[in-house]
Amino acid sequence: MTKSQQKRSLFSKGESQAQAWGFDIIIAVIIFTAGILVLFIYTLNYPGQSQEKINDMQKEGSYMLSILLSEGNPSNWTTETVIQPGLLSNNRLNDTKLSQWHTLSQTNYPLSKQLLNAKYNHYLYLSEPFTFPSAPGGIGQQPSNTKNRIKITRLSLYNNKPVTVFLEVWE
């Protein structure tokens, strides 16, 4: 074999080995890119699900608080006659309705959720130093360690003084 044939023979072997390495690198790049793409899509969608839940809780909490900060139906409801609970009379928090709502929440919490058309838990309380005479802490189910919890605030009048009403909503 002449020197030029040996060179050509060595050169052709190197080409075939380089082609095999090139194919392996292409497959590795495709797998790596697919992994990065899956991770990217997952991270984009995951916070969106949490944000959707928070938005849903925010809407539901605002709706519940708007019901509670109304006169209710009937306007002079009791635990036996309530269709829609409202804690106001003459645009002020009413002690009798607060007491009735507290009693209903303590004795039949699922019914209180149903009357508010709620799928999330709730807890209503006032800013310090105001407390309800019948419910010193608040009304509803007090939150424990929860993953998702929001607080909605509104202003109202209680005993002819401005007060902040808080409603915590959680899963």
C-alpha atoms as a PDB file:
ATOM      1  CA  MET A   1       0.000   0.000   0.000  1.00  0.00           C
ATOM      2  CA  THR A   2       1.360   3.396  -0.908  1.00  0.00           C
ATOM      3  CA  LYS A   3       1.521   6.309   1.461  1.00  0.00           C
ATOM      4  CA  SER A   4      -1.328   8.146  -0.264  1.00  0.00           C
ATOM      5  CA  GLN A   5      -3.572   5.060   0.036  1.00  0.00           C
ATOM      6  CA  GLN A   6      -2.686   4.764   3.752  1.00  0.00           C
ATOM      7  CA  LYS A   7      -3.559   8.418   4.297  1.00  0.00           C
ATOM      8  CA  ARG A   8      -6.830   8.016   2.437  1.00  0.00           C
ATOM      9  CA  SER A   9      -7.626   4.858   4.435  1.00  0.00           C
ATOM     10  CA  LEU A  10      -6.936   6.619   7.784  1.00  0.00           C
ATOM     11  CA  PHE A  11      -8.897   9.673   6.695  1.00  0.00           C
ATOM     12  CA  SER A  12     -11.995   7.655   5.792  1.00  0.00           C
ATOM     13  CA  LYS A  13     -11.952   5.839   9.176  1.00  0.00           C
ATOM     14  CA  GLY A  14     -11.776   9.189  10.993  1.00  0.00           C
ATOM     15  CA  GLU A  15     -14.721  10.503   9.017  1.00  0.00           C
ATOM     16  CA  SER A  16     -16.944   7.589   9.989  1.00  0.00           C
ATOM     17  CA  GLN A  17     -15.980   7.927  13.663  1.00  0.00           C
ATOM     18  CA  ALA A  18     -16.707  11.670  13.582  1.00  0.00           C
ATOM     19  CA  GLN A  19     -20.098  11.025  12.029  1.00  0.00           C
ATOM     20  CA  ALA A  20     -20.984   8.596  14.860  1.00  0.00           C
ATOM     21  CA  TRP A  21     -19.999  11.187  17.489  1.00  0.00           C
ATOM     22  CA  GLY A  22     -21.999  13.830  15.666  1.00  0.00           C
ATOM     23  CA  PHE A  23     -25.135  11.659  15.764  1.00  0.00           C
ATOM     24  CA  ASP A  24     -24.695  11.058  19.526  1.00  0.00           C
ATOM     25  CA  ILE A  25     -24.292  14.783  20.160  1.00  0.00           C
ATOM     26  CA  ILE A  26     -27.432  15.585  18.163  1.00  0.00           C
ATOM     27  CA  ILE A  27     -29.472  13.045  20.187  1.00  0.00           C
ATOM     28  CA  ALA A  28     -28.045  14.434  23.457  1.00  0.00           C
ATOM     29  CA  VAL A  29     -28.913  18.007  22.461  1.00  0.00           C
ATOM     30  CA  ILE A  30     -32.470  16.953  21.549  1.00  0.00           C
ATOM     31  CA  ILE A  31     -32.969  15.178  24.888  1.00  0.00           C
ATOM     32  CA  PHE A  32     -31.472  18.115  26.830  1.00  0.00           C
ATOM     33  CA  THR A  33     -33.644  20.622  24.946  1.00  0.00           C
ATOM     34  CA  ALA A  34     -36.769  18.527  25.554  1.00  0.00           C
ATOM     35  CA  GLY A  35     -35.960  18.384  29.294  1.00  0.00           C
ATOM     36  CA  ILE A  36     -35.457  22.144  29.485  1.00  0.00           C
ATOM     37  CA  LEU A  37     -38.684  22.696  27.532  1.00  0.00           C
ATOM     38  CA  VAL A  38     -40.693  20.447  29.880  1.00  0.00           C
ATOM     39  CA  LEU A  39     -39.233  22.205  32.934  1.00  0.00           C
ATOM     40  CA  PHE A  40     -39.981  25.623  31.419  1.00  0.00           C
ATOM     41  CA  ILE A  41     -43.607  24.724  30.637  1.00  0.00           C
ATOM     42  CA  TYR A  42     -44.086  23.263  34.135  1.00  0.00           C
ATOM     43  CA  THR A  43     -42.732  26.373  35.874  1.00  0.00           C
ATOM     44  CA  LEU A  44     -44.910  28.639  33.742  1.00  0.00           C
ATOM     45  CA  ASN A  45     -48.098  26.703  34.519  1.00  0.00           C
ATOM     46  CA  TYR A  46     -47.539  25.974  38.200  1.00  0.00           C
ATOM     47  CA  PRO A  47     -47.696  29.568  39.513  1.00  0.00           C
ATOM     48  CA  GLY A  48     -50.699  30.171  37.276  1.00  0.00           C
ATOM     49  CA  GLN A  49     -52.676  27.492  39.078  1.00  0.00           C
ATOM     50  CA  SER A  50     -51.859  29.057  42.440  1.00  0.00           C
ATOM     51  CA  GLN A  51     -52.754  32.507  41.151  1.00  0.00           C
ATOM     52  CA  GLU A  52     -56.069  31.183  39.819  1.00  0.00           C
ATOM     53  CA  LYS A  53     -56.897  29.728  43.234  1.00  0.00           C
ATOM     54  CA  ILE A  54     -56.000  32.988  44.993  1.00  0.00           C
ATOM     55  CA  ASN A  55     -58.129  34.959  42.529  1.00  0.00           C
ATOM     56  CA  ASP A  56     -61.004  32.531  43.087  1.00  0.00           C
ATOM     57  CA  MET A  57     -60.643  32.858  46.867  1.00  0.00           C
ATOM     58  CA  GLN A  58     -60.495  36.656  46.543  1.00  0.00           C
ATOM     59  CA  LYS A  59     -63.709  36.727  44.483  1.00  0.00           C
ATOM     60  CA  GLU A  60     -65.518  34.371  46.806  1.00  0.00           C
ATOM     61  CA  GLY A  61     -64.349  36.251  49.920  1.00  0.00           C
ATOM     62  CA  SER A  62     -65.475  39.577  48.491  1.00  0.00           C
ATOM     63  CA  TYR A  63     -68.832  38.041  47.627  1.00  0.00           C
ATOM     64  CA  MET A  64     -69.221  36.549  51.136  1.00  0.00           C
ATOM     65  CA  LEU A  65     -68.312  39.850  52.782  1.00  0.00           C
ATOM     66  CA  SER A  66     -70.750  41.769  50.573  1.00  0.00           C
ATOM     67  CA  ILE A  67     -73.494  39.369  51.696  1.00  0.00           C
ATOM     68  CA  LEU A  68     -72.516  39.712  55.351  1.00  0.00           C
ATOM     69  CA  LEU A  69     -72.311  43.505  55.135  1.00  0.00           C
ATOM     70  CA  SER A  70     -75.907  43.794  53.968  1.00  0.00           C
ATOM     71  CA  GLU A  71     -79.271  43.747  55.750  1.00  0.00           C
ATOM     72  CA  GLY A  72     -79.860  40.107  54.838  1.00  0.00           C
ATOM     73  CA  ASN A  73     -82.995  38.351  53.742  1.00  0.00           C
ATOM     74  CA  PRO A  74     -85.373  38.710  55.499  1.00  0.00           C
ATOM     75  CA  SER A  75     -84.088  41.948  56.984  1.00  0.00           C
ATOM     76  CA  ASN A  76     -84.910  40.835  60.547  1.00  0.00           C
ATOM     77  CA  TRP A  77     -83.759  37.225  60.130  1.00  0.00           C
ATOM     78  CA  THR A  78     -83.157  34.683  62.861  1.00  0.00           C
ATOM     79  CA  THR A  79     -81.278  31.380  62.766  1.00  0.00           C
ATOM     80  CA  GLU A  80     -84.567  29.685  61.822  1.00  0.00           C
ATOM     81  CA  THR A  81     -85.733  32.144  59.134  1.00  0.00           C
ATOM     82  CA  VAL A  82     -82.467  33.166  57.467  1.00  0.00           C
ATOM     83  CA  ILE A  83     -82.306  32.924  53.689  1.00  0.00           C
ATOM     84  CA  GLN A  84     -79.329  35.216  53.250  1.00  0.00           C
ATOM     85  CA  PRO A  85     -77.422  36.402  56.329  1.00  0.00           C
ATOM     86  CA  GLY A  86     -76.692  40.089  56.647  1.00  0.00           C
ATOM     87  CA  LEU A  87     -75.146  41.715  59.697  1.00  0.00           C
ATOM     88  CA  LEU A  88     -76.220  45.324  59.095  1.00  0.00           C
ATOM     89  CA  SER A  89     -79.233  47.343  60.142  1.00  0.00           C
ATOM     90  CA  ASN A  90     -79.367  51.002  59.088  1.00  0.00           C
ATOM     91  CA  ASN A  91     -75.852  50.617  57.630  1.00  0.00           C
ATOM     92  CA  ARG A  92     -74.410  49.659  61.036  1.00  0.00           C
ATOM     93  CA  LEU A  93     -73.352  46.290  62.437  1.00  0.00           C
ATOM     94  CA  ASN A  94     -76.257  44.917  64.465  1.00  0.00           C
ATOM     95  CA  ASP A  95     -75.475  43.064  67.740  1.00  0.00           C
ATOM     96  CA  THR A  96     -78.544  40.838  67.425  1.00  0.00           C
ATOM     97  CA  LYS A  97     -77.621  39.708  63.915  1.00  0.00           C
ATOM     98  CA  LEU A  98     -73.994  39.246  64.959  1.00  0.00           C
ATOM     99  CA  SER A  99     -75.157  37.048  67.836  1.00  0.00           C
ATOM    100  CA  GLN A 100     -77.462  35.051  65.541  1.00  0.00           C
ATOM    101  CA  TRP A 101     -74.702  34.565  62.960  1.00  0.00           C
ATOM    102  CA  HIS A 102     -72.262  33.480  65.669  1.00  0.00           C
ATOM    103  CA  THR A 103     -74.769  30.946  67.018  1.00  0.00           C
ATOM    104  CA  LEU A 104     -75.430  29.574  63.549  1.00  0.00           C
ATOM    105  CA  SER A 105     -71.703  29.378  62.732  1.00  0.00           C
ATOM    106  CA  GLN A 106     -70.989  27.554  65.993  1.00  0.00           C
ATOM    107  CA  THR A 107     -73.877  25.096  65.840  1.00  0.00           C
ATOM    108  CA  ASN A 108     -74.018  24.449  62.083  1.00  0.00           C
ATOM    109  CA  TYR A 109     -70.902  25.720  60.280  1.00  0.00           C
ATOM    110  CA  PRO A 110     -71.706  23.794  57.043  1.00  0.00           C
ATOM    111  CA  LEU A 111     -75.064  25.585  56.872  1.00  0.00           C
ATOM    112  CA  SER A 112     -73.365  28.951  57.381  1.00  0.00           C
ATOM    113  CA  LYS A 113     -71.084  28.147  54.421  1.00  0.00           C
ATOM    114  CA  GLN A 114     -74.085  27.077  52.364  1.00  0.00           C
ATOM    115  CA  LEU A 115     -75.964  30.306  53.145  1.00  0.00           C
ATOM    116  CA  LEU A 116     -72.940  32.261  51.919  1.00  0.00           C
ATOM    117  CA  ASN A 117     -72.673  30.006  48.868  1.00  0.00           C
ATOM    118  CA  ALA A 118     -69.059  29.339  49.901  1.00  0.00           C
ATOM    119  CA  LYS A 119     -66.721  26.503  49.074  1.00  0.00           C
ATOM    120  CA  TYR A 120     -63.909  27.904  51.223  1.00  0.00           C
ATOM    121  CA  ASN A 121     -63.745  28.302  54.995  1.00  0.00           C
ATOM    122  CA  HIS A 122     -64.205  31.734  56.537  1.00  0.00           C
ATOM    123  CA  TYR A 123     -63.596  33.669  59.741  1.00  0.00           C
ATOM    124  CA  LEU A 124     -65.009  37.159  60.445  1.00  0.00           C
ATOM    125  CA  TYR A 125     -63.588  39.556  63.043  1.00  0.00           C
ATOM    126  CA  LEU A 126     -63.212  43.268  63.785  1.00  0.00           C
ATOM    127  CA  SER A 127     -60.170  45.484  64.203  1.00  0.00           C
ATOM    128  CA  GLU A 128     -58.817  45.943  67.716  1.00  0.00           C
ATOM    129  CA  PRO A 129     -60.101  46.890  70.294  1.00  0.00           C
ATOM    130  CA  PHE A 130     -63.588  46.071  68.973  1.00  0.00           C
ATOM    131  CA  THR A 131     -65.030  42.640  69.648  1.00  0.00           C
ATOM    132  CA  PHE A 132     -68.471  41.151  69.297  1.00  0.00           C
ATOM    133  CA  PRO A 133     -70.145  40.723  72.699  1.00  0.00           C
ATOM    134  CA  SER A 134     -71.354  37.236  71.774  1.00  0.00           C
ATOM    135  CA  ALA A 135     -68.110  36.226  70.020  1.00  0.00           C
ATOM    136  CA  PRO A 136     -65.031  37.837  71.595  1.00  0.00           C
ATOM    137  CA  GLY A 137     -62.612  36.405  69.030  1.00  0.00           C
ATOM    138  CA  GLY A 138     -64.651  36.340  65.877  1.00  0.00           C
ATOM    139  CA  ILE A 139     -67.290  34.409  63.967  1.00  0.00           C
ATOM    140  CA  GLY A 140     -66.726  31.312  61.873  1.00  0.00           C
ATOM    141  CA  GLN A 141     -64.006  28.720  61.818  1.00  0.00           C
ATOM    142  CA  GLN A 142     -60.695  30.085  63.019  1.00  0.00           C
ATOM    143  CA  PRO A 143     -57.871  29.408  60.535  1.00  0.00           C
ATOM    144  CA  SER A 144     -55.129  26.973  61.434  1.00  0.00           C
ATOM    145  CA  ASN A 145     -51.946  26.269  59.497  1.00  0.00           C
ATOM    146  CA  THR A 146     -53.129  26.700  55.937  1.00  0.00           C
ATOM    147  CA  LYS A 147     -51.444  26.756  52.567  1.00  0.00           C
ATOM    148  CA  ASN A 148     -53.692  29.318  50.917  1.00  0.00           C
ATOM    149  CA  ARG A 149     -55.276  32.067  52.995  1.00  0.00           C
ATOM    150  CA  ILE A 150     -56.377  35.581  52.123  1.00  0.00           C
ATOM    151  CA  LYS A 151     -57.780  38.454  54.139  1.00  0.00           C
ATOM    152  CA  ILE A 152     -60.422  40.852  52.866  1.00  0.00           C
ATOM    153  CA  THR A 153     -61.163  44.114  54.670  1.00  0.00           C
ATOM    154  CA  ARG A 154     -64.070  46.529  54.617  1.00  0.00           C
ATOM    155  CA  LEU A 155     -65.042  49.518  56.696  1.00  0.00           C
ATOM    156  CA  SER A 156     -68.281  49.667  58.636  1.00  0.00           C
ATOM    157  CA  LEU A 157     -69.818  51.209  61.744  1.00  0.00           C
ATOM    158  CA  TYR A 158     -70.123  49.403  65.051  1.00  0.00           C
ATOM    159  CA  ASN A 159     -71.525  51.153  68.126  1.00  0.00           C
ATOM    160  CA  ASN A 160     -71.462  54.384  66.070  1.00  0.00           C
ATOM    161  CA  LYS A 161     -67.690  54.154  65.571  1.00  0.00           C
ATOM    162  CA  PRO A 162     -65.804  53.277  62.396  1.00  0.00           C
ATOM    163  CA  VAL A 163     -64.394  49.778  62.472  1.00  0.00           C
ATOM    164  CA  THR A 164     -62.496  47.565  60.047  1.00  0.00           C
ATOM    165  CA  VAL A 165     -64.209  44.267  59.308  1.00  0.00           C
ATOM    166  CA  PHE A 166     -61.874  41.408  58.345  1.00  0.00           C
ATOM    167  CA  LEU A 167     -62.854  38.221  56.614  1.00  0.00           C
ATOM    168  CA  GLU A 168     -60.225  35.517  56.266  1.00  0.00           C
ATOM    169  CA  VAL A 169     -60.843  32.892  53.621  1.00  0.00           C
ATOM    170  CA  TRP A 170     -58.818  29.690  53.265  1.00  0.00           C
ATOM    171  CA  GLU A 171     -58.881  26.108  52.039  1.00  0.00           C
END
